[in-house]
C-alpha atoms as a PDB file:
ATOM      1  CA  TYR A   1     270.005 245.615  80.210  1.00  0.00           C
ATOM      2  CA  LEU A   2     270.303 244.168  77.421  1.00  0.00           C
ATOM      3  CA  ALA A   3     273.243 242.306  77.986  1.00  0.00           C
ATOM      4  CA  ALA A   4     271.575 240.766  81.093  1.00  0.00           C
ATOM      5  CA  GLU A   5     268.530 240.070  78.302  1.00  0.00           C
ATOM      6  CA  MET A   6     269.964 238.477  76.024  1.00  0.00           C
ATOM      7  CA  PRO A   7     273.296 237.341  76.761  1.00  0.00           C
ATOM      8  CA  GLU A   8     273.288 235.546  73.827  1.00  0.00           C
ATOM      9  CA  LEU A   9     273.728 238.871  71.586  1.00  0.00           C
ATOM     10  CA  SER A  10     276.948 239.422  70.270  1.00  0.00           C
ATOM     11  CA  ALA A  11     278.122 243.618  69.549  1.00  0.00           C
ATOM     12  CA  GLY A  12     280.821 245.248  67.953  1.00  0.00           C
ATOM     13  CA  ARG A  13     281.982 248.692  69.966  1.00  0.00           C
ATOM     14  CA  SER A  14     279.129 250.842  71.708  1.00  0.00           C
ATOM     15  CA  VAL A  15     279.978 254.443  73.415  1.00  0.00           C
ATOM     16  CA  CYS A  16     278.146 255.689  75.817  1.00  0.00           C
ATOM     17  CA  LEU A  17     276.763 259.612  76.209  1.00  0.00           C
ATOM     18  CA  GLY A  18     276.420 261.011  79.115  1.00  0.00           C
ATOM     19  CA  SER A  19     275.124 257.623  80.962  1.00  0.00           C
ATOM     20  CA  PRO A  20     275.498 257.066  84.343  1.00  0.00           C
ATOM     21  CA  ILE A  21     277.190 253.565  84.403  1.00  0.00           C
ATOM     22  CA  SER A  22     278.615 252.648  87.714  1.00  0.00           C
ATOM     23  CA  GLY A  23     275.138 254.264  88.863  1.00  0.00           C
ATOM     24  CA  SER A  24     272.874 257.380  89.753  1.00  0.00           C
ATOM     25  CA  ILE A  25     273.513 258.791  92.971  1.00  0.00           C
ATOM     26  CA  ILE A  26     269.888 261.099  91.874  1.00  0.00           C
ATOM     27  CA  ALA A  27     268.680 258.289  91.703  1.00  0.00           C
ATOM     28  CA  SER A  28     269.860 256.410  95.276  1.00  0.00           C
ATOM     29  CA  HIS A  29     270.217 260.054  97.291  1.00  0.00           C
ATOM     30  CA  TYR A  30     265.628 260.308  95.741  1.00  0.00           C
ATOM     31  CA  GLU A  31     264.810 257.165  96.062  1.00  0.00           C
ATOM     32  CA  ASP A  32     262.371 258.065  98.617  1.00  0.00           C
ATOM     33  CA  HIS A  33     261.828 260.732  96.876  1.00  0.00           C
ATOM     34  CA  TRP A  34     257.602 260.328  95.708  1.00  0.00           C
ATOM     35  CA  MET A  35     257.424 263.764  93.379  1.00  0.00           C
ATOM     36  CA  VAL A  36     261.164 262.973  92.087  1.00  0.00           C
ATOM     37  CA  ARG A  37     259.618 259.339  91.752  1.00  0.00           C
ATOM     38  CA  LEU A  38     256.811 260.265  90.851  1.00  0.00           C
ATOM     39  CA  ALA A  39     258.175 262.511  88.429  1.00  0.00           C
ATOM     40  CA  CYS A  40     261.570 260.254  86.918  1.00  0.00           C
ATOM     41  CA  GLY A  41     259.255 257.182  86.667  1.00  0.00           C
ATOM     42  CA  PRO A  42     260.619 253.365  86.371  1.00  0.00           C
ATOM     43  CA  ILE A  43     264.000 254.605  84.998  1.00  0.00           C
ATOM     44  CA  LEU A  44     264.514 256.372  88.869  1.00  0.00           C
ATOM     45  CA  ALA A  45     265.028 252.784  90.207  1.00  0.00           C
ATOM     46  CA  SER A  46     266.796 251.041  86.945  1.00  0.00           C
ATOM     47  CA  LEU A  47     269.671 253.491  87.658  1.00  0.00           C
ATOM     48  CA  HIS A  48     270.215 253.021  91.288  1.00  0.00           C
ATOM     49  CA  PRO A  49     273.983 252.096  92.537  1.00  0.00           C
ATOM     50  CA  GLU A  50     272.909 248.624  93.966  1.00  0.00           C
ATOM     51  CA  ARG A  51     270.271 247.553  90.525  1.00  0.00           C
ATOM     52  CA  VAL A  52     272.985 248.794  88.166  1.00  0.00           C
ATOM     53  CA  ALA A  53     276.103 246.684  90.110  1.00  0.00           C
ATOM     54  CA  SER A  54     273.961 243.577  89.289  1.00  0.00           C
ATOM     55  CA  LEU A  55     274.162 243.571  86.551  1.00  0.00           C
ATOM     56  CA  PRO A  56     276.550 242.362  83.092  1.00  0.00           C
ATOM     57  CA  LEU A  57     279.092 243.686  81.605  1.00  0.00           C
ATOM     58  CA  PRO A  58     278.522 245.167  77.936  1.00  0.00           C
ATOM     59  CA  PRO A  59     279.222 242.297  75.882  1.00  0.00           C
ATOM     60  CA  CYS A  60     280.911 244.454  73.979  1.00  0.00           C
ATOM     61  CA  GLU A  61     284.514 246.990  73.389  1.00  0.00           C
ATOM     62  CA  LEU A  62     282.844 249.675  75.398  1.00  0.00           C
ATOM     63  CA  ALA A  63     283.551 253.144  75.821  1.00  0.00           C
ATOM     64  CA  ALA A  64     282.357 256.598  77.128  1.00  0.00           C
ATOM     65  CA  ILE A  65     281.765 260.621  76.461  1.00  0.00           C
ATOM     66  CA  ALA A  66     281.104 262.249  79.542  1.00  0.00           C
ATOM     67  CA  GLY A  67     279.388 266.291  79.559  1.00  0.00           C
ATOM     68  CA  SER A  68     281.637 268.307  81.824  1.00  0.00           C
ATOM     69  CA  ALA A  69     279.372 271.522  81.306  1.00  0.00           C
ATOM     70  CA  GLN A  70     276.782 272.614  83.745  1.00  0.00           C
ATOM     71  CA  THR A  71     273.152 274.592  83.219  1.00  0.00           C
ATOM     72  CA  LEU A  72     271.001 276.081  85.663  1.00  0.00           C
ATOM     73  CA  PHE A  73     267.887 275.396  82.929  1.00  0.00           C
ATOM     74  CA  LEU A  74     267.300 271.544  82.773  1.00  0.00           C
ATOM     75  CA  PRO A  75     265.163 270.269  86.237  1.00  0.00           C
ATOM     76  CA  ALA A  76     267.509 267.835  86.978  1.00  0.00           C
ATOM     77  CA  SER A  77     270.317 271.020  88.134  1.00  0.00           C
ATOM     78  CA  PHE A  78     267.353 271.514  90.572  1.00  0.00           C
ATOM     79  CA  LEU A  79     268.338 267.869  92.021  1.00  0.00           C
ATOM     80  CA  MET A  80     272.387 267.644  90.855  1.00  0.00           C
ATOM     81  CA  ARG A  81     272.979 270.516  93.145  1.00  0.00           C
ATOM     82  CA  PRO A  82     272.303 270.085  96.540  1.00  0.00           C
ATOM     83  CA  ILE A  83     274.299 266.597  96.983  1.00  0.00           C
ATOM     84  CA  ALA A  84     277.287 266.887  94.190  1.00  0.00           C
ATOM     85  CA  LYS A  85     279.146 269.036  96.560  1.00  0.00           C
ATOM     86  CA  GLY A  86     280.926 269.905  93.988  1.00  0.00           C
ATOM     87  CA  ARG A  87     281.896 267.023  92.524  1.00  0.00           C
ATOM     88  CA  ALA A  88     281.937 267.819  88.060  1.00  0.00           C
ATOM     89  CA  SER A  89     278.702 266.330  86.449  1.00  0.00           C
ATOM     90  CA  ASP A  90     276.967 268.073  83.598  1.00  0.00           C
ATOM     91  CA  THR A  91     274.215 268.480  85.193  1.00  0.00           C
ATOM     92  CA  THR A  92     272.427 265.066  85.698  1.00  0.00           C
ATOM     93  CA  VAL A  93     275.173 262.655  85.643  1.00  0.00           C
ATOM     94  CA  LEU A  94     277.986 262.628  87.826  1.00  0.00           C
ATOM     95  CA  ILE A  95     281.152 262.634  85.266  1.00  0.00           C
ATOM     96  CA  GLU A  96     282.485 260.102  88.070  1.00  0.00           C
ATOM     97  CA  GLU A  97     279.436 257.736  86.646  1.00  0.00           C
ATOM     98  CA  THR A  98     279.793 256.919  83.166  1.00  0.00           C
ATOM     99  CA  ARG A  99     283.459 255.720  84.144  1.00  0.00           C
ATOM    100  CA  LEU A 100     283.467 251.623  85.069  1.00  0.00           C
ATOM    101  CA  ASP A 101     287.637 250.245  84.871  1.00  0.00           C
ATOM    102  CA  SER A 102     286.159 247.295  82.331  1.00  0.00           C
ATOM    103  CA  MET A 103     286.256 250.070  79.321  1.00  0.00           C
ATOM    104  CA  ASN A 104     288.797 250.453  77.202  1.00  0.00           C
ATOM    105  CA  ASP A 105     288.232 254.672  76.383  1.00  0.00           C
ATOM    106  CA  TRP A 106     286.707 257.498  78.363  1.00  0.00           C
ATOM    107  CA  ILE A 107     286.409 261.061  77.686  1.00  0.00           C
ATOM    108  CA  SER A 108     285.258 264.499  78.700  1.00  0.00           C
ATOM    109  CA  VAL A 109     283.883 266.933  77.025  1.00  0.00           C
ATOM    110  CA  PRO A 110     282.389 270.387  77.434  1.00  0.00           C
ATOM    111  CA  VAL A 111     279.296 269.657  76.892  1.00  0.00           C
ATOM    112  CA  VAL A 112     276.016 269.672  78.649  1.00  0.00           C
ATOM    113  CA  HIS A 113     273.584 266.182  79.399  1.00  0.00           C
ATOM    114  CA  THR A 114     271.138 267.565  76.992  1.00  0.00           C
ATOM    115  CA  PHE A 115     273.705 267.899  74.428  1.00  0.00           C
ATOM    116  CA  LEU A 116     275.850 265.014  74.454  1.00  0.00           C
ATOM    117  CA  PRO A 117     273.647 263.236  71.391  1.00  0.00           C
ATOM    118  CA  SER A 118     273.722 266.316  69.100  1.00  0.00           C
ATOM    119  CA  ASN A 119     276.934 267.625  69.730  1.00  0.00           C
ATOM    120  CA  ARG A 120     279.765 267.710  66.290  1.00  0.00           C
ATOM    121  CA  VAL A 121     282.046 266.905  68.777  1.00  0.00           C
ATOM    122  CA  VAL A 122     281.390 263.716  70.491  1.00  0.00           C
ATOM    123  CA  HIS A 123     279.990 263.480  67.134  1.00  0.00           C
ATOM    124  CA  ARG A 124     283.791 262.731  66.062  1.00  0.00           C
ATOM    125  CA  LEU A 125     284.951 261.507  68.494  1.00  0.00           C
ATOM    126  CA  VAL A 126     281.843 258.616  68.478  1.00  0.00           C
ATOM    127  CA  SER A 127     283.296 257.823  64.936  1.00  0.00           C
ATOM    128  CA  HIS A 128     287.279 258.070  65.821  1.00  0.00           C
ATOM    129  CA  TYR A 129     286.290 255.237  68.565  1.00  0.00           C
ATOM    130  CA  LEU A 130     284.071 252.789  66.474  1.00  0.00           C
ATOM    131  CA  GLN A 131     286.498 252.931  63.421  1.00  0.00           C
ATOM    132  CA  HIS A 132     289.867 252.751  65.485  1.00  0.00           C
ATOM    133  CA  GLY A 133     288.627 251.266  69.346  1.00  0.00           C
ATOM    134  CA  SER A 134     289.928 254.403  71.207  1.00  0.00           C
ATOM    135  CA  PHE A 135     289.155 257.967  71.248  1.00  0.00           C
ATOM    136  CA  SER A 136     292.507 259.361  70.478  1.00  0.00           C
ATOM    137  CA  GLU A 137     294.817 259.065  68.457  1.00  0.00           C
ATOM    138  CA  PRO A 138     297.981 256.581  68.673  1.00  0.00           C
ATOM    139  CA  SER A 139     301.364 258.724  69.594  1.00  0.00           C
ATOM    140  CA  ASP A 140     304.403 257.720  67.984  1.00  0.00           C
ATOM    141  CA  CYS A 141     307.487 256.043  70.386  1.00  0.00           C
END
């Protein structure tokens, strides 16, 4: 949304953590469910895949880290389980929702959505990407 509001913004490298950058299945599935709309507020509509698809790409080198661990203790698990049908997620966001073809890099880690920002492995991955433009070390060919 920032890229749409401030197209003149120039940014370096950025890393999304568990962000449904291609839109959210929860937003599209529950858009007409009044209780979910009330609980989530305006963020629900802003994460609808059609809304997200209308936004410009961020003006920076972009990568993402997706969580792949699940738990029953997050409220979103009650929304995700009935509609995910066995697709991998971090309990809140489907792994596939965290990817764009235009990304420089992408990786999945076994962490629940809520704990991505506080995970030490995630910290190291973000730091490496910001410094080198990749999550992995270059291979010797």
